[in-house]
Amino acid sequence: MKHNTELRPNAVAPWFFSGEYPELQRGSNPLTWQAIDGATLSNDDQQKPAGVTALRQEHTVLGLLTMYTYVQQSLDKQYCMVWNARMQPREDHCHIRAEVFQVDALQPLGDLQTVWSQFQGAYPGYFFHAPAAASFEFDVRAGQSEQQLAFADLIQTQFPQFLMPVKVPGLYAPAQKAASNTALLEFFTRQGRVRLIPQDWFNLGQWDFGYQWIAGGARRADNGRITIQGMRLPYYVLDETDRKLPPEQAS
């Protein structure tokens, strides 16, 4: 899947990972992302995983990501923020948990079959052999247009602003007949602010939900508008509301 390398939104595995994107460095050496064969992780034909992505330094594996795991690279490419969208949904809210790892602190995983068997016992969607350098965790409910949160200094420095796609139950009144509850969370970590931005153009539109979905987004430097990156969706630039398409794209 093609990703928008100019805007550098966060990427969701495995579809938007390729080669050295997202960009991470160990010292001055770039790391690479590579799809990994399920047979490398399990000998059980019934349990061979699919869609697993490995973070590598040459032949050494430093991390494993399952499907729907997101990575946001830091400004200096020495840290990565990681979360898994499958862990978010709850009955009446969305639970957000993200961790930041320092690339230089990542240790080789060793025998991958052993790691994978341990991985299944405590499933966060990703595995690194290193403690998190920082993290945050909170709940999002429909109607919370903005929240105030305190972020670690590291997050404020390296991840000052980014967008996170989420699904929030009850985002629309039943009368609106929304077929999806997709929103973007916009983080302003230095100000301690998180905005909830429902994506009306998508949720109330005629899409093949499940087959088509919003995978991420980023604000353009030239005009401040949000550009959407999606699975089987064109690149869209939203209007000034951050919720709708301009007329020339909506037609």
C-alpha atoms as a PDB file:
ATOM      1  CA  MET A   1       0.000   0.000   0.000  1.00  0.00           C
ATOM      2  CA  LYS A   2       1.386   3.393  -0.964  1.00  0.00           C
ATOM      3  CA  HIS A   3       1.980   5.813   1.897  1.00  0.00           C
ATOM      4  CA  ASN A   4       2.214   9.577   1.847  1.00  0.00           C
ATOM      5  CA  THR A   5       5.926  10.062   2.487  1.00  0.00           C
ATOM      6  CA  GLU A   6       5.731  13.847   2.154  1.00  0.00           C
ATOM      7  CA  LEU A   7       3.393  14.291   5.130  1.00  0.00           C
ATOM      8  CA  ARG A   8       4.766  11.461   7.296  1.00  0.00           C
ATOM      9  CA  PRO A   9       1.592  10.333   9.058  1.00  0.00           C
ATOM     10  CA  ASN A  10       1.807   7.387  11.413  1.00  0.00           C
ATOM     11  CA  ALA A  11       1.780   4.032   9.625  1.00  0.00           C
ATOM     12  CA  VAL A  12      -0.333   0.951  10.338  1.00  0.00           C
ATOM     13  CA  ALA A  13       1.189  -2.511   9.919  1.00  0.00           C
ATOM     14  CA  PRO A  14       1.506  -4.247   7.608  1.00  0.00           C
ATOM     15  CA  TRP A  15      -0.171  -2.223   4.868  1.00  0.00           C
ATOM     16  CA  PHE A  16       1.703   1.084   5.120  1.00  0.00           C
ATOM     17  CA  PHE A  17       5.135  -0.243   6.090  1.00  0.00           C
ATOM     18  CA  SER A  18       7.842  -0.540   3.446  1.00  0.00           C
ATOM     19  CA  GLY A  19      11.606  -0.709   3.594  1.00  0.00           C
ATOM     20  CA  GLU A  20      12.816   2.136   5.794  1.00  0.00           C
ATOM     21  CA  TYR A  21       9.346   3.634   6.397  1.00  0.00           C
ATOM     22  CA  PRO A  22       8.473   4.532   9.144  1.00  0.00           C
ATOM     23  CA  GLU A  23      11.968   5.983   9.511  1.00  0.00           C
ATOM     24  CA  LEU A  24      13.897   4.878  12.587  1.00  0.00           C
ATOM     25  CA  GLN A  25      17.621   5.052  13.219  1.00  0.00           C
ATOM     26  CA  ARG A  26      19.930   3.168  15.563  1.00  0.00           C
ATOM     27  CA  GLY A  27      22.743   5.637  15.995  1.00  0.00           C
ATOM     28  CA  SER A  28      23.194   6.857  12.434  1.00  0.00           C
ATOM     29  CA  ASN A  29      22.114   3.564  10.854  1.00  0.00           C
ATOM     30  CA  PRO A  30      18.596   3.296   9.398  1.00  0.00           C
ATOM     31  CA  LEU A  31      16.484   0.308  10.396  1.00  0.00           C
ATOM     32  CA  THR A  32      14.206  -1.602   8.046  1.00  0.00           C
ATOM     33  CA  TRP A  33      10.736  -3.144   8.210  1.00  0.00           C
ATOM     34  CA  GLN A  34      10.040  -6.500   6.626  1.00  0.00           C
ATOM     35  CA  ALA A  35       7.100  -8.889   6.424  1.00  0.00           C
ATOM     36  CA  ILE A  36       7.946 -12.106   8.229  1.00  0.00           C
ATOM     37  CA  ASP A  37       6.893 -15.620   7.224  1.00  0.00           C
ATOM     38  CA  GLY A  38       4.561 -17.240   9.747  1.00  0.00           C
ATOM     39  CA  ALA A  39       6.621 -20.448   9.565  1.00  0.00           C
ATOM     40  CA  THR A  40       9.488 -18.539  11.157  1.00  0.00           C
ATOM     41  CA  LEU A  41       7.308 -17.964  14.229  1.00  0.00           C
ATOM     42  CA  SER A  42       5.422 -21.250  14.577  1.00  0.00           C
ATOM     43  CA  ASN A  43       5.736 -24.867  13.403  1.00  0.00           C
ATOM     44  CA  ASP A  44       2.018 -25.433  13.937  1.00  0.00           C
ATOM     45  CA  ASP A  45       0.288 -25.271  10.555  1.00  0.00           C
ATOM     46  CA  GLN A  46      -2.956 -24.287  12.292  1.00  0.00           C
ATOM     47  CA  GLN A  47      -1.338 -21.470  14.269  1.00  0.00           C
ATOM     48  CA  LYS A  48       0.969 -19.841  11.750  1.00  0.00           C
ATOM     49  CA  PRO A  49       0.414 -16.092  12.064  1.00  0.00           C
ATOM     50  CA  ALA A  50      -0.142 -13.830   9.090  1.00  0.00           C
ATOM     51  CA  GLY A  51       0.552 -10.152   8.629  1.00  0.00           C
ATOM     52  CA  VAL A  52       3.458  -9.911  11.095  1.00  0.00           C
ATOM     53  CA  THR A  53       6.060  -7.206  10.466  1.00  0.00           C
ATOM     54  CA  ALA A  54       9.621  -7.321  11.813  1.00  0.00           C
ATOM     55  CA  LEU A  55      11.861  -4.381  12.672  1.00  0.00           C
ATOM     56  CA  ARG A  56      15.398  -5.282  11.628  1.00  0.00           C
ATOM     57  CA  GLN A  57      18.947  -4.068  11.814  1.00  0.00           C
ATOM     58  CA  GLU A  58      20.466  -6.080   8.987  1.00  0.00           C
ATOM     59  CA  HIS A  59      19.783  -9.709  10.033  1.00  0.00           C
ATOM     60  CA  THR A  60      18.891  -8.949  13.660  1.00  0.00           C
ATOM     61  CA  VAL A  61      15.206  -8.703  14.612  1.00  0.00           C
ATOM     62  CA  LEU A  62      14.535  -5.933  17.151  1.00  0.00           C
ATOM     63  CA  GLY A  63      10.734  -5.978  17.204  1.00  0.00           C
ATOM     64  CA  LEU A  64       7.555  -7.674  15.998  1.00  0.00           C
ATOM     65  CA  LEU A  65       4.263  -6.014  15.081  1.00  0.00           C
ATOM     66  CA  THR A  66       0.942  -7.691  14.360  1.00  0.00           C
ATOM     67  CA  MET A  67      -1.748  -6.312  12.084  1.00  0.00           C
ATOM     68  CA  TYR A  68      -3.338  -2.982  13.055  1.00  0.00           C
ATOM     69  CA  THR A  69      -0.296  -1.890  15.050  1.00  0.00           C
ATOM     70  CA  TYR A  70       0.611   1.754  14.476  1.00  0.00           C
ATOM     71  CA  VAL A  71       4.039   3.361  14.623  1.00  0.00           C
ATOM     72  CA  GLN A  72       4.658   7.105  14.840  1.00  0.00           C
ATOM     73  CA  GLN A  73       8.293   8.043  14.302  1.00  0.00           C
ATOM     74  CA  SER A  74       9.810  10.752  16.491  1.00  0.00           C
ATOM     75  CA  LEU A  75      11.198  14.012  15.173  1.00  0.00           C
ATOM     76  CA  ASP A  76      14.778  12.763  15.510  1.00  0.00           C
ATOM     77  CA  LYS A  77      13.920   9.179  14.392  1.00  0.00           C
ATOM     78  CA  GLN A  78      15.483   7.808  17.588  1.00  0.00           C
ATOM     79  CA  TYR A  79      12.136   6.881  19.198  1.00  0.00           C
ATOM     80  CA  CYS A  80       8.938   5.226  18.069  1.00  0.00           C
ATOM     81  CA  MET A  81       5.455   5.565  19.525  1.00  0.00           C
ATOM     82  CA  VAL A  82       3.465   2.334  19.217  1.00  0.00           C
ATOM     83  CA  TRP A  83      -0.162   1.318  19.758  1.00  0.00           C
ATOM     84  CA  ASN A  84      -2.552  -1.323  18.443  1.00  0.00           C
ATOM     85  CA  ALA A  85      -6.022  -0.381  17.218  1.00  0.00           C
ATOM     86  CA  ARG A  86      -7.470  -3.796  18.092  1.00  0.00           C
ATOM     87  CA  MET A  87      -6.884  -3.110  21.774  1.00  0.00           C
ATOM     88  CA  GLN A  88      -8.937   0.098  21.784  1.00  0.00           C
ATOM     89  CA  PRO A  89     -12.677  -0.732  21.434  1.00  0.00           C
ATOM     90  CA  ARG A  90     -14.849  -1.037  24.546  1.00  0.00           C
ATOM     91  CA  GLU A  91     -18.623  -1.290  24.864  1.00  0.00           C
ATOM     92  CA  ASP A  92     -19.259   2.411  25.459  1.00  0.00           C
ATOM     93  CA  HIS A  93     -15.887   4.083  24.897  1.00  0.00           C
ATOM     94  CA  CYS A  94     -12.493   3.822  23.264  1.00  0.00           C
ATOM     95  CA  HIS A  95      -9.444   3.055  25.404  1.00  0.00           C
ATOM     96  CA  ILE A  96      -6.174   4.591  24.269  1.00  0.00           C
ATOM     97  CA  ARG A  97      -2.796   3.241  25.315  1.00  0.00           C
ATOM     98  CA  ALA A  98       0.467   4.065  23.564  1.00  0.00           C
ATOM     99  CA  GLU A  99       4.093   3.416  24.468  1.00  0.00           C
ATOM    100  CA  VAL A 100       7.315   5.062  23.346  1.00  0.00           C
ATOM    101  CA  PHE A 101      10.491   3.041  22.835  1.00  0.00           C
ATOM    102  CA  GLN A 102      14.026   4.323  22.399  1.00  0.00           C
ATOM    103  CA  VAL A 103      15.526   2.665  19.345  1.00  0.00           C
ATOM    104  CA  ASP A 104      19.024   2.412  20.849  1.00  0.00           C
ATOM    105  CA  ALA A 105      17.587   0.526  23.844  1.00  0.00           C
ATOM    106  CA  LEU A 106      15.998  -2.251  21.761  1.00  0.00           C
ATOM    107  CA  GLN A 107      17.653  -5.622  22.296  1.00  0.00           C
ATOM    108  CA  PRO A 108      17.740  -8.503  19.777  1.00  0.00           C
ATOM    109  CA  LEU A 109      14.737 -10.776  20.214  1.00  0.00           C
ATOM    110  CA  GLY A 110      16.689 -14.006  19.831  1.00  0.00           C
ATOM    111  CA  ASP A 111      14.796 -17.196  18.950  1.00  0.00           C
ATOM    112  CA  LEU A 112      11.621 -15.967  17.280  1.00  0.00           C
ATOM    113  CA  GLN A 113       9.518 -19.063  17.961  1.00  0.00           C
ATOM    114  CA  THR A 114      10.202 -18.726  21.683  1.00  0.00           C
ATOM    115  CA  VAL A 115       9.407 -15.029  21.553  1.00  0.00           C
ATOM    116  CA  TRP A 116       6.192 -15.661  19.641  1.00  0.00           C
ATOM    117  CA  SER A 117       4.962 -18.253  22.140  1.00  0.00           C
ATOM    118  CA  GLN A 118       5.535 -15.721  24.950  1.00  0.00           C
ATOM    119  CA  PHE A 119       3.982 -12.975  22.854  1.00  0.00           C
ATOM    120  CA  GLN A 120       0.668 -14.812  22.667  1.00  0.00           C
ATOM    121  CA  GLY A 121       0.331 -14.916  26.445  1.00  0.00           C
ATOM    122  CA  ALA A 122       0.298 -11.126  26.831  1.00  0.00           C
ATOM    123  CA  TYR A 123      -1.001  -9.652  23.615  1.00  0.00           C
ATOM    124  CA  PRO A 124      -0.508  -5.894  23.153  1.00  0.00           C
ATOM    125  CA  GLY A 125      -0.112  -6.205  19.379  1.00  0.00           C
ATOM    126  CA  TYR A 126       3.644  -5.615  19.396  1.00  0.00           C
ATOM    127  CA  PHE A 127       6.770  -6.945  21.081  1.00  0.00           C
ATOM    128  CA  PHE A 128      10.062  -5.215  21.902  1.00  0.00           C
ATOM    129  CA  HIS A 129      12.738  -6.460  24.283  1.00  0.00           C
ATOM    130  CA  ALA A 130      13.083  -3.131  26.116  1.00  0.00           C
ATOM    131  CA  PRO A 131      11.149  -1.115  28.693  1.00  0.00           C
ATOM    132  CA  ALA A 132       8.994   1.726  27.445  1.00  0.00           C
ATOM    133  CA  ALA A 133      10.688   5.112  27.762  1.00  0.00           C
ATOM    134  CA  ALA A 134       7.290   6.812  28.165  1.00  0.00           C
ATOM    135  CA  SER A 135       3.600   6.030  27.770  1.00  0.00           C
ATOM    136  CA  PHE A 136       0.108   7.435  28.137  1.00  0.00           C
ATOM    137  CA  GLU A 137      -3.334   5.941  28.656  1.00  0.00           C
ATOM    138  CA  PHE A 138      -6.849   7.401  28.751  1.00  0.00           C
ATOM    139  CA  ASP A 139     -10.456   6.835  27.678  1.00  0.00           C
ATOM    140  CA  VAL A 140     -12.377   8.610  24.928  1.00  0.00           C
ATOM    141  CA  ARG A 141     -16.162   8.882  24.940  1.00  0.00           C
ATOM    142  CA  ALA A 142     -18.590  10.392  22.481  1.00  0.00           C
ATOM    143  CA  GLY A 143     -19.253  14.030  23.314  1.00  0.00           C
ATOM    144  CA  GLN A 144     -15.758  14.682  24.684  1.00  0.00           C
ATOM    145  CA  SER A 145     -14.663  17.182  22.066  1.00  0.00           C
ATOM    146  CA  GLU A 146     -11.474  18.001  23.955  1.00  0.00           C
ATOM    147  CA  GLN A 147      -9.490  16.604  26.891  1.00  0.00           C
ATOM    148  CA  GLN A 148      -6.625  17.923  28.975  1.00  0.00           C
ATOM    149  CA  LEU A 149      -3.817  15.436  29.610  1.00  0.00           C
ATOM    150  CA  ALA A 150      -0.300  15.609  31.010  1.00  0.00           C
ATOM    151  CA  PHE A 151       2.342  14.077  28.739  1.00  0.00           C
ATOM    152  CA  ALA A 152       5.902  13.119  29.626  1.00  0.00           C
ATOM    153  CA  ASP A 153       8.633  15.562  28.599  1.00  0.00           C
ATOM    154  CA  LEU A 154       9.973  13.038  26.083  1.00  0.00           C
ATOM    155  CA  ILE A 155       6.607  12.851  24.328  1.00  0.00           C
ATOM    156  CA  GLN A 156       6.273  16.636  24.303  1.00  0.00           C
ATOM    157  CA  THR A 157       9.735  16.992  22.781  1.00  0.00           C
ATOM    158  CA  GLN A 158       9.651  14.227  20.186  1.00  0.00           C
ATOM    159  CA  PHE A 159       5.921  13.939  19.391  1.00  0.00           C
ATOM    160  CA  PRO A 160       4.511  17.471  19.717  1.00  0.00           C
ATOM    161  CA  GLN A 161       1.576  17.002  17.333  1.00  0.00           C
ATOM    162  CA  PHE A 162       0.072  13.975  15.607  1.00  0.00           C
ATOM    163  CA  LEU A 163      -3.237  12.394  14.589  1.00  0.00           C
ATOM    164  CA  MET A 164      -4.576   9.012  15.695  1.00  0.00           C
ATOM    165  CA  PRO A 165      -7.547   7.308  13.978  1.00  0.00           C
ATOM    166  CA  VAL A 166     -10.000   5.736  16.439  1.00  0.00           C
ATOM    167  CA  LYS A 167     -13.521   4.334  16.600  1.00  0.00           C
ATOM    168  CA  VAL A 168     -15.707   5.786  19.350  1.00  0.00           C
ATOM    169  CA  PRO A 169     -19.039   4.056  20.137  1.00  0.00           C
ATOM    170  CA  GLY A 170     -22.081   6.322  20.020  1.00  0.00           C
ATOM    171  CA  LEU A 171     -20.341   9.076  18.108  1.00  0.00           C
ATOM    172  CA  TYR A 172     -23.595   9.933  16.317  1.00  0.00           C
ATOM    173  CA  ALA A 173     -27.233  10.096  17.348  1.00  0.00           C
ATOM    174  CA  PRO A 174     -29.273   7.104  16.086  1.00  0.00           C
ATOM    175  CA  ALA A 175     -31.293   9.403  13.832  1.00  0.00           C
ATOM    176  CA  GLN A 176     -28.178  10.174  11.791  1.00  0.00           C
ATOM    177  CA  LYS A 177     -27.824   6.505  10.816  1.00  0.00           C
ATOM    178  CA  ALA A 178     -24.050   6.597  10.787  1.00  0.00           C
ATOM    179  CA  ALA A 179     -22.525   3.395   9.455  1.00  0.00           C
ATOM    180  CA  SER A 180     -19.188   4.028  11.165  1.00  0.00           C
ATOM    181  CA  ASN A 181     -17.893   5.786  14.271  1.00  0.00           C
ATOM    182  CA  THR A 182     -14.468   6.805  13.008  1.00  0.00           C
ATOM    183  CA  ALA A 183     -12.774   9.890  14.415  1.00  0.00           C
ATOM    184  CA  LEU A 184      -9.329  11.418  14.527  1.00  0.00           C
ATOM    185  CA  LEU A 185      -7.700  12.273  17.813  1.00  0.00           C
ATOM    186  CA  GLU A 186      -5.431  15.262  17.401  1.00  0.00           C
ATOM    187  CA  PHE A 187      -2.698  15.433  20.030  1.00  0.00           C
ATOM    188  CA  PHE A 188      -1.019  18.679  21.057  1.00  0.00           C
ATOM    189  CA  THR A 189       1.277  17.199  23.668  1.00  0.00           C
ATOM    190  CA  ARG A 190       3.116  20.400  24.617  1.00  0.00           C
ATOM    191  CA  GLN A 191      -0.200  22.075  25.393  1.00  0.00           C
ATOM    192  CA  GLY A 192      -1.611  18.924  27.025  1.00  0.00           C
ATOM    193  CA  ARG A 193      -4.617  18.906  24.681  1.00  0.00           C
ATOM    194  CA  VAL A 194      -6.385  16.148  22.758  1.00  0.00           C
ATOM    195  CA  ARG A 195      -9.170  16.974  20.275  1.00  0.00           C
ATOM    196  CA  LEU A 196     -11.831  14.515  19.112  1.00  0.00           C
ATOM    197  CA  ILE A 197     -12.669  15.091  15.439  1.00  0.00           C
ATOM    198  CA  PRO A 198     -15.513  12.919  14.033  1.00  0.00           C
ATOM    199  CA  GLN A 199     -15.015  12.175  10.345  1.00  0.00           C
ATOM    200  CA  ASP A 200     -18.473  13.029   9.032  1.00  0.00           C
ATOM    201  CA  TRP A 201     -17.486  12.740   5.367  1.00  0.00           C
ATOM    202  CA  PHE A 202     -16.663   9.082   5.918  1.00  0.00           C
ATOM    203  CA  ASN A 203     -19.088   7.972   8.637  1.00  0.00           C
ATOM    204  CA  LEU A 204     -22.145   9.418   6.898  1.00  0.00           C
ATOM    205  CA  GLY A 205     -20.992   8.609   3.371  1.00  0.00           C
ATOM    206  CA  GLN A 206     -21.494   5.738   0.977  1.00  0.00           C
ATOM    207  CA  TRP A 207     -18.435   3.584   1.576  1.00  0.00           C
ATOM    208  CA  ASP A 208     -17.709  -0.123   1.778  1.00  0.00           C
ATOM    209  CA  PHE A 209     -17.030  -0.042   5.529  1.00  0.00           C
ATOM    210  CA  GLY A 210     -14.528  -2.644   6.638  1.00  0.00           C
ATOM    211  CA  TYR A 211     -13.085  -2.888   3.144  1.00  0.00           C
ATOM    212  CA  GLN A 212     -12.428   0.858   3.113  1.00  0.00           C
ATOM    213  CA  TRP A 213     -11.247   2.630   6.260  1.00  0.00           C
ATOM    214  CA  ILE A 214      -9.312   5.647   7.476  1.00  0.00           C
ATOM    215  CA  ALA A 215      -5.780   4.584   8.335  1.00  0.00           C
ATOM    216  CA  GLY A 216      -4.254   7.900   9.383  1.00  0.00           C
ATOM    217  CA  GLY A 217      -3.731  11.528   8.584  1.00  0.00           C
ATOM    218  CA  ALA A 218      -1.452  14.522   8.933  1.00  0.00           C
ATOM    219  CA  ARG A 219      -1.733  18.295   8.743  1.00  0.00           C
ATOM    220  CA  ARG A 220      -0.217  19.946   5.716  1.00  0.00           C
ATOM    221  CA  ALA A 221       2.507  22.483   6.443  1.00  0.00           C
ATOM    222  CA  ASP A 222       1.357  24.850   3.690  1.00  0.00           C
ATOM    223  CA  ASN A 223      -2.288  25.383   4.668  1.00  0.00           C
ATOM    224  CA  GLY A 224      -2.866  23.471   7.915  1.00  0.00           C
ATOM    225  CA  ARG A 225      -5.487  21.207   6.346  1.00  0.00           C
ATOM    226  CA  ILE A 226      -5.722  17.538   7.272  1.00  0.00           C
ATOM    227  CA  THR A 227      -4.787  15.053   4.567  1.00  0.00           C
ATOM    228  CA  ILE A 228      -6.352  11.623   4.981  1.00  0.00           C
ATOM    229  CA  GLN A 229      -4.536   8.383   4.321  1.00  0.00           C
ATOM    230  CA  GLY A 230      -6.838   5.395   3.995  1.00  0.00           C
ATOM    231  CA  MET A 231      -7.156   1.786   3.001  1.00  0.00           C
ATOM    232  CA  ARG A 232      -8.552   1.695  -0.536  1.00  0.00           C
ATOM    233  CA  LEU A 233      -9.363   5.404  -0.299  1.00  0.00           C
ATOM    234  CA  PRO A 234      -7.958   8.292  -2.361  1.00  0.00           C
ATOM    235  CA  TYR A 235      -5.885  10.915  -0.592  1.00  0.00           C
ATOM    236  CA  TYR A 236      -8.356  13.528   0.593  1.00  0.00           C
ATOM    237  CA  VAL A 237      -7.674  16.990   1.979  1.00  0.00           C
ATOM    238  CA  LEU A 238     -10.406  17.990   4.447  1.00  0.00           C
ATOM    239  CA  ASP A 239     -12.019  21.424   4.611  1.00  0.00           C
ATOM    240  CA  GLU A 240     -11.571  23.939   7.437  1.00  0.00           C
ATOM    241  CA  THR A 241     -13.965  22.005   9.720  1.00  0.00           C
ATOM    242  CA  ASP A 242     -11.578  18.999   9.764  1.00  0.00           C
ATOM    243  CA  ARG A 243     -14.721  16.838   9.439  1.00  0.00           C
ATOM    244  CA  LYS A 244     -15.854  17.237   5.854  1.00  0.00           C
ATOM    245  CA  LEU A 245     -14.572  17.270   2.299  1.00  0.00           C
ATOM    246  CA  PRO A 246     -14.522  20.499   0.300  1.00  0.00           C
ATOM    247  CA  PRO A 247     -17.178  20.615  -2.445  1.00  0.00           C
ATOM    248  CA  GLU A 248     -14.734  19.846  -5.244  1.00  0.00           C
ATOM    249  CA  GLN A 249     -13.746  16.560  -3.564  1.00  0.00           C
ATOM    250  CA  ALA A 250     -17.171  15.613  -2.225  1.00  0.00           C
ATOM    251  CA  SER A 251     -18.783  15.482  -5.664  1.00  0.00           C
END
